[in-house]
């Protein structure tokens, strides 16, 4: 898997260094979705991937 992701991550690094990603949506679509898809997830199936999943977080020791 490492060898499969290496060219993708190198390309993403080049684009990050060039300032290619302009906003959060651009990063989500062009970077995160690309990696998740390369890992074998079906990014178009909402039961596998959710672009806007809300997570509850509790602080403290309760």
PDB file of N, CA and C in Angstrom:
ATOM      1  N   UNK A   1       0.822  -1.194   0.000  1.00  0.00           N
ATOM      2  CA  UNK A   1       0.000   0.000   0.000  1.00  0.00           C
ATOM      3  C   UNK A   1       0.865   1.257   0.000  1.00  0.00           C
ATOM      4  N   UNK A   2       1.995   1.201   0.710  1.00  0.00           N
ATOM      5  CA  UNK A   2       2.889   2.356   0.771  1.00  0.00           C
ATOM      6  C   UNK A   2       3.321   2.787  -0.628  1.00  0.00           C
ATOM      7  N   UNK A   3       3.669   1.820  -1.470  1.00  0.00           N
ATOM      8  CA  UNK A   3       4.108   2.148  -2.826  1.00  0.00           C
ATOM      9  C   UNK A   3       2.961   2.680  -3.685  1.00  0.00           C
ATOM     10  N   UNK A   4       1.732   2.294  -3.370  1.00  0.00           N
ATOM     11  CA  UNK A   4       0.571   2.789  -4.098  1.00  0.00           C
ATOM     12  C   UNK A   4       0.309   4.259  -3.755  1.00  0.00           C
ATOM     13  N   UNK A   5       0.491   4.616  -2.485  1.00  0.00           N
ATOM     14  CA  UNK A   5       0.195   5.981  -2.041  1.00  0.00           C
ATOM     15  C   UNK A   5       1.336   6.959  -2.299  1.00  0.00           C
ATOM     16  N   UNK A   6       2.557   6.462  -2.391  1.00  0.00           N
ATOM     17  CA  UNK A   6       3.714   7.357  -2.528  1.00  0.00           C
ATOM     18  C   UNK A   6       3.575   8.364  -3.676  1.00  0.00           C
ATOM     19  N   UNK A   7       3.241   7.943  -4.916  1.00  0.00           N
ATOM     20  CA  UNK A   7       3.134   8.935  -5.993  1.00  0.00           C
ATOM     21  C   UNK A   7       1.998   9.934  -5.764  1.00  0.00           C
ATOM     22  N   UNK A   8       0.921   9.482  -5.148  1.00  0.00           N
ATOM     23  CA  UNK A   8      -0.194  10.391  -4.854  1.00  0.00           C
ATOM     24  C   UNK A   8       0.244  11.427  -3.827  1.00  0.00           C
ATOM     25  N   UNK A   9       0.889  10.975  -2.762  1.00  0.00           N
ATOM     26  CA  UNK A   9       1.330  11.896  -1.720  1.00  0.00           C
ATOM     27  C   UNK A   9       2.403  12.855  -2.224  1.00  0.00           C
ATOM     28  N   UNK A  10       3.281  12.386  -3.080  1.00  0.00           N
ATOM     29  CA  UNK A  10       4.302  13.272  -3.658  1.00  0.00           C
ATOM     30  C   UNK A  10       3.655  14.341  -4.540  1.00  0.00           C
ATOM     31  N   UNK A  11       2.642  13.947  -5.315  1.00  0.00           N
ATOM     32  CA  UNK A  11       1.931  14.911  -6.153  1.00  0.00           C
ATOM     33  C   UNK A  11       1.200  15.936  -5.288  1.00  0.00           C
ATOM     34  N   UNK A  12       0.563  15.471  -4.235  1.00  0.00           N
ATOM     35  CA  UNK A  12      -0.133  16.380  -3.316  1.00  0.00           C
ATOM     36  C   UNK A  12       0.859  17.339  -2.671  1.00  0.00           C
ATOM     37  N   UNK A  13       2.026  16.842  -2.262  1.00  0.00           N
ATOM     38  CA  UNK A  13       3.049  17.706  -1.659  1.00  0.00           C
ATOM     39  C   UNK A  13       3.479  18.801  -2.630  1.00  0.00           C
ATOM     40  N   UNK A  14       3.696  18.428  -3.897  1.00  0.00           N
ATOM     41  CA  UNK A  14       4.079  19.431  -4.902  1.00  0.00           C
ATOM     42  C   UNK A  14       2.995  20.502  -5.041  1.00  0.00           C
ATOM     43  N   UNK A  15       1.753  20.059  -5.065  1.00  0.00           N
ATOM     44  CA  UNK A  15       0.645  21.014  -5.218  1.00  0.00           C
ATOM     45  C   UNK A  15       0.476  21.888  -3.980  1.00  0.00           C
ATOM     46  N   UNK A  16       0.687  21.325  -2.796  1.00  0.00           N
ATOM     47  CA  UNK A  16       0.638  22.132  -1.569  1.00  0.00           C
ATOM     48  C   UNK A  16       1.727  23.199  -1.596  1.00  0.00           C
ATOM     49  N   UNK A  17       2.932  22.799  -1.965  1.00  0.00           N
ATOM     50  CA  UNK A  17       4.048  23.748  -2.033  1.00  0.00           C
ATOM     51  C   UNK A  17       3.818  24.840  -3.065  1.00  0.00           C
ATOM     52  N   UNK A  18       3.064  24.512  -4.117  1.00  0.00           N
ATOM     53  CA  UNK A  18       2.770  25.491  -5.169  1.00  0.00           C
ATOM     54  C   UNK A  18       1.556  26.357  -4.833  1.00  0.00           C
ATOM     55  N   UNK A  19       0.893  26.063  -3.709  1.00  0.00           N
ATOM     56  CA  UNK A  19      -0.281  26.841  -3.319  1.00  0.00           C
ATOM     57  C   UNK A  19      -1.505  26.540  -4.166  1.00  0.00           C
ATOM     58  N   UNK A  20      -1.590  25.312  -4.663  1.00  0.00           N
ATOM     59  CA  UNK A  20      -2.674  24.962  -5.584  1.00  0.00           C
ATOM     60  C   UNK A  20      -4.036  24.859  -4.907  1.00  0.00           C
ATOM     61  N   UNK A  21      -4.063  24.541  -3.610  1.00  0.00           N
ATOM     62  CA  UNK A  21      -5.341  24.362  -2.913  1.00  0.00           C
ATOM     63  C   UNK A  21      -5.763  25.695  -2.304  1.00  0.00           C
ATOM     64  N   UNK A  22      -6.915  26.212  -2.748  1.00  0.00           N
ATOM     65  CA  UNK A  22      -7.319  27.569  -2.423  1.00  0.00           C
ATOM     66  C   UNK A  22      -8.245  27.693  -1.208  1.00  0.00           C
ATOM     67  N   UNK A  23      -9.001  26.638  -0.880  1.00  0.00           N
ATOM     68  CA  UNK A  23      -9.937  26.731   0.235  1.00  0.00           C
ATOM     69  C   UNK A  23     -10.262  25.332   0.750  1.00  0.00           C
ATOM     70  N   UNK A  24     -11.089  25.277   1.807  1.00  0.00           N
ATOM     71  CA  UNK A  24     -11.412  23.989   2.438  1.00  0.00           C
ATOM     72  C   UNK A  24     -12.057  23.011   1.462  1.00  0.00           C
ATOM     73  N   UNK A  25     -12.999  23.472   0.665  1.00  0.00           N
ATOM     74  CA  UNK A  25     -13.673  22.570  -0.275  1.00  0.00           C
ATOM     75  C   UNK A  25     -12.692  22.018  -1.304  1.00  0.00           C
ATOM     76  N   UNK A  26     -11.804  22.864  -1.765  1.00  0.00           N
ATOM     77  CA  UNK A  26     -10.794  22.438  -2.731  1.00  0.00           C
ATOM     78  C   UNK A  26      -9.899  21.362  -2.125  1.00  0.00           C
ATOM     79  N   UNK A  27      -9.499  21.558  -0.860  1.00  0.00           N
ATOM     80  CA  UNK A  27      -8.672  20.558  -0.165  1.00  0.00           C
ATOM     81  C   UNK A  27      -9.444  19.260  -0.013  1.00  0.00           C
ATOM     82  N   UNK A  28     -10.704  19.354   0.409  1.00  0.00           N
ATOM     83  CA  UNK A  28     -11.515  18.158   0.640  1.00  0.00           C
ATOM     84  C   UNK A  28     -11.675  17.348  -0.638  1.00  0.00           C
ATOM     85  N   UNK A  29     -11.978  18.022  -1.726  1.00  0.00           N
ATOM     86  CA  UNK A  29     -12.206  17.310  -2.981  1.00  0.00           C
ATOM     87  C   UNK A  29     -10.917  16.843  -3.645  1.00  0.00           C
ATOM     88  N   UNK A  30      -9.916  17.690  -3.645  1.00  0.00           N
ATOM     89  CA  UNK A  30      -8.697  17.397  -4.402  1.00  0.00           C
ATOM     90  C   UNK A  30      -7.643  16.633  -3.613  1.00  0.00           C
ATOM     91  N   UNK A  31      -7.739  16.653  -2.302  1.00  0.00           N
ATOM     92  CA  UNK A  31      -6.717  16.019  -1.492  1.00  0.00           C
ATOM     93  C   UNK A  31      -7.293  14.862  -0.683  1.00  0.00           C
ATOM     94  N   UNK A  32      -8.237  15.153   0.195  1.00  0.00           N
ATOM     95  CA  UNK A  32      -8.781  14.112   1.074  1.00  0.00           C
ATOM     96  C   UNK A  32      -9.505  13.035   0.271  1.00  0.00           C
ATOM     97  N   UNK A  33     -10.406  13.414  -0.616  1.00  0.00           N
ATOM     98  CA  UNK A  33     -11.152  12.422  -1.404  1.00  0.00           C
ATOM     99  C   UNK A  33     -10.205  11.570  -2.238  1.00  0.00           C
ATOM    100  N   UNK A  34      -9.158  12.175  -2.742  1.00  0.00           N
ATOM    101  CA  UNK A  34      -8.183  11.437  -3.554  1.00  0.00           C
ATOM    102  C   UNK A  34      -7.490  10.345  -2.739  1.00  0.00           C
ATOM    103  N   UNK A  35      -7.098  10.669  -1.517  1.00  0.00           N
ATOM    104  CA  UNK A  35      -6.426   9.691  -0.656  1.00  0.00           C
ATOM    105  C   UNK A  35      -7.395   8.601  -0.221  1.00  0.00           C
ATOM    106  N   UNK A  36      -8.597   9.004   0.193  1.00  0.00           N
ATOM    107  CA  UNK A  36      -9.594   8.031   0.644  1.00  0.00           C
ATOM    108  C   UNK A  36      -9.953   7.070  -0.488  1.00  0.00           C
ATOM    109  N   UNK A  37     -10.107   7.594  -1.697  1.00  0.00           N
ATOM    110  CA  UNK A  37     -10.404   6.747  -2.857  1.00  0.00           C
ATOM    111  C   UNK A  37      -9.243   5.785  -3.128  1.00  0.00           C
ATOM    112  N   UNK A  38      -8.011   6.264  -3.020  1.00  0.00           N
ATOM    113  CA  UNK A  38      -6.836   5.412  -3.253  1.00  0.00           C
ATOM    114  C   UNK A  38      -6.736   4.289  -2.215  1.00  0.00           C
ATOM    115  N   UNK A  39      -7.290   4.523  -1.031  1.00  0.00           N
ATOM    116  CA  UNK A  39      -7.291   3.500   0.015  1.00  0.00           C
ATOM    117  C   UNK A  39      -8.405   2.481  -0.181  1.00  0.00           C
ATOM    118  N   UNK A  40      -9.212   2.686  -1.221  1.00  0.00           N
ATOM    119  CA  UNK A  40     -10.219   1.695  -1.571  1.00  0.00           C
ATOM    120  C   UNK A  40     -11.639   2.011  -1.152  1.00  0.00           C
ATOM    121  N   UNK A  41     -11.869   3.170  -0.582  1.00  0.00           N
ATOM    122  CA  UNK A  41     -13.211   3.552  -0.179  1.00  0.00           C
ATOM    123  C   UNK A  41     -13.973   4.068  -1.388  1.00  0.00           C
ATOM    124  N   UNK A  42     -15.262   3.797  -1.424  1.00  0.00           N
ATOM    125  CA  UNK A  42     -16.128   4.334  -2.476  1.00  0.00           C
ATOM    126  C   UNK A  42     -16.607   5.703  -2.005  1.00  0.00           C
ATOM    127  N   UNK A  43     -15.957   6.757  -2.487  1.00  0.00           N
ATOM    128  CA  UNK A  43     -16.269   8.110  -2.026  1.00  0.00           C
ATOM    129  C   UNK A  43     -17.646   8.580  -2.473  1.00  0.00           C
ATOM    130  N   UNK A  44     -18.287   7.863  -3.374  1.00  0.00           N
ATOM    131  CA  UNK A  44     -19.620   8.236  -3.855  1.00  0.00           C
ATOM    132  C   UNK A  44     -20.720   7.487  -3.119  1.00  0.00           C
ATOM    133  N   UNK A  45     -20.351   6.574  -2.214  1.00  0.00           N
ATOM    134  CA  UNK A  45     -21.318   5.809  -1.427  1.00  0.00           C
ATOM    135  C   UNK A  45     -21.392   6.415  -0.029  1.00  0.00           C
ATOM    136  N   UNK A  46     -22.509   7.058   0.319  1.00  0.00           N
ATOM    137  CA  UNK A  46     -22.600   7.727   1.618  1.00  0.00           C
ATOM    138  C   UNK A  46     -22.518   6.776   2.811  1.00  0.00           C
ATOM    139  N   UNK A  47     -22.706   5.478   2.595  1.00  0.00           N
ATOM    140  CA  UNK A  47     -22.549   4.546   3.710  1.00  0.00           C
ATOM    141  C   UNK A  47     -21.073   4.246   3.976  1.00  0.00           C
ATOM    142  N   UNK A  48     -20.188   4.607   3.042  1.00  0.00           N
ATOM    143  CA  UNK A  48     -18.747   4.406   3.221  1.00  0.00           C
ATOM    144  C   UNK A  48     -18.004   5.692   3.564  1.00  0.00           C
ATOM    145  N   UNK A  49     -18.398   6.781   2.948  1.00  0.00           N
ATOM    146  CA  UNK A  49     -17.690   8.053   3.145  1.00  0.00           C
ATOM    147  C   UNK A  49     -18.698   9.183   3.254  1.00  0.00           C
ATOM    148  N   UNK A  50     -18.464  10.072   4.217  1.00  0.00           N
ATOM    149  CA  UNK A  50     -19.349  11.215   4.424  1.00  0.00           C
ATOM    150  C   UNK A  50     -18.491  12.462   4.511  1.00  0.00           C
ATOM    151  N   UNK A  51     -18.691  13.368   3.595  1.00  0.00           N
ATOM    152  CA  UNK A  51     -17.853  14.562   3.513  1.00  0.00           C
ATOM    153  C   UNK A  51     -18.087  15.538   4.665  1.00  0.00           C
ATOM    154  N   UNK A  52     -19.241  15.501   5.284  1.00  0.00           N
ATOM    155  CA  UNK A  52     -19.571  16.459   6.330  1.00  0.00           C
ATOM    156  C   UNK A  52     -20.115  15.773   7.579  1.00  0.00           C
ATOM    157  N   UNK A  53     -19.410  14.808   8.105  1.00  0.00           N
ATOM    158  CA  UNK A  53     -19.840  14.086   9.294  1.00  0.00           C
ATOM    159  C   UNK A  53     -19.642  14.955  10.524  1.00  0.00           C
ATOM    160  N   UNK A  54     -20.700  15.137  11.318  1.00  0.00           N
ATOM    161  CA  UNK A  54     -20.636  15.936  12.532  1.00  0.00           C
ATOM    162  C   UNK A  54     -20.288  15.026  13.700  1.00  0.00           C
ATOM    163  N   UNK A  55     -19.307  15.390  14.468  1.00  0.00           N
ATOM    164  CA  UNK A  55     -18.886  14.593  15.618  1.00  0.00           C
ATOM    165  C   UNK A  55     -19.129  15.376  16.899  1.00  0.00           C
ATOM    166  N   UNK A  56     -19.688  14.717  17.894  1.00  0.00           N
ATOM    167  CA  UNK A  56     -19.881  15.323  19.208  1.00  0.00           C
ATOM    168  C   UNK A  56     -18.623  15.085  20.023  1.00  0.00           C
ATOM    169  N   UNK A  57     -18.224  16.088  20.773  1.00  0.00           N
ATOM    170  CA  UNK A  57     -17.026  15.964  21.605  1.00  0.00           C
ATOM    171  C   UNK A  57     -17.354  16.459  22.998  1.00  0.00           C
ATOM    172  N   UNK A  58     -17.047  15.647  24.011  1.00  0.00           N
ATOM    173  CA  UNK A  58     -17.225  16.040  25.390  1.00  0.00           C
ATOM    174  C   UNK A  58     -15.876  16.353  25.980  1.00  0.00           C
ATOM    175  N   UNK A  59     -15.796  17.463  26.675  1.00  0.00           N
ATOM    176  CA  UNK A  59     -14.544  17.789  27.339  1.00  0.00           C
ATOM    177  C   UNK A  59     -14.667  17.438  28.824  1.00  0.00           C
ATOM    178  N   UNK A  60     -13.567  17.324  29.498  1.00  0.00           N
ATOM    179  CA  UNK A  60     -13.576  16.990  30.913  1.00  0.00           C
ATOM    180  C   UNK A  60     -13.516  15.501  31.152  1.00  0.00           C
ATOM    181  N   UNK A  61     -13.681  15.107  32.393  1.00  0.00           N
ATOM    182  CA  UNK A  61     -13.544  13.695  32.746  1.00  0.00           C
ATOM    183  C   UNK A  61     -14.871  13.008  32.999  1.00  0.00           C
ATOM    184  N   UNK A  62     -15.947  13.555  32.517  1.00  0.00           N
ATOM    185  CA  UNK A  62     -17.275  12.968  32.715  1.00  0.00           C
ATOM    186  C   UNK A  62     -17.484  11.739  31.912  1.00  0.00           C
TER     187      UNK A  62
END
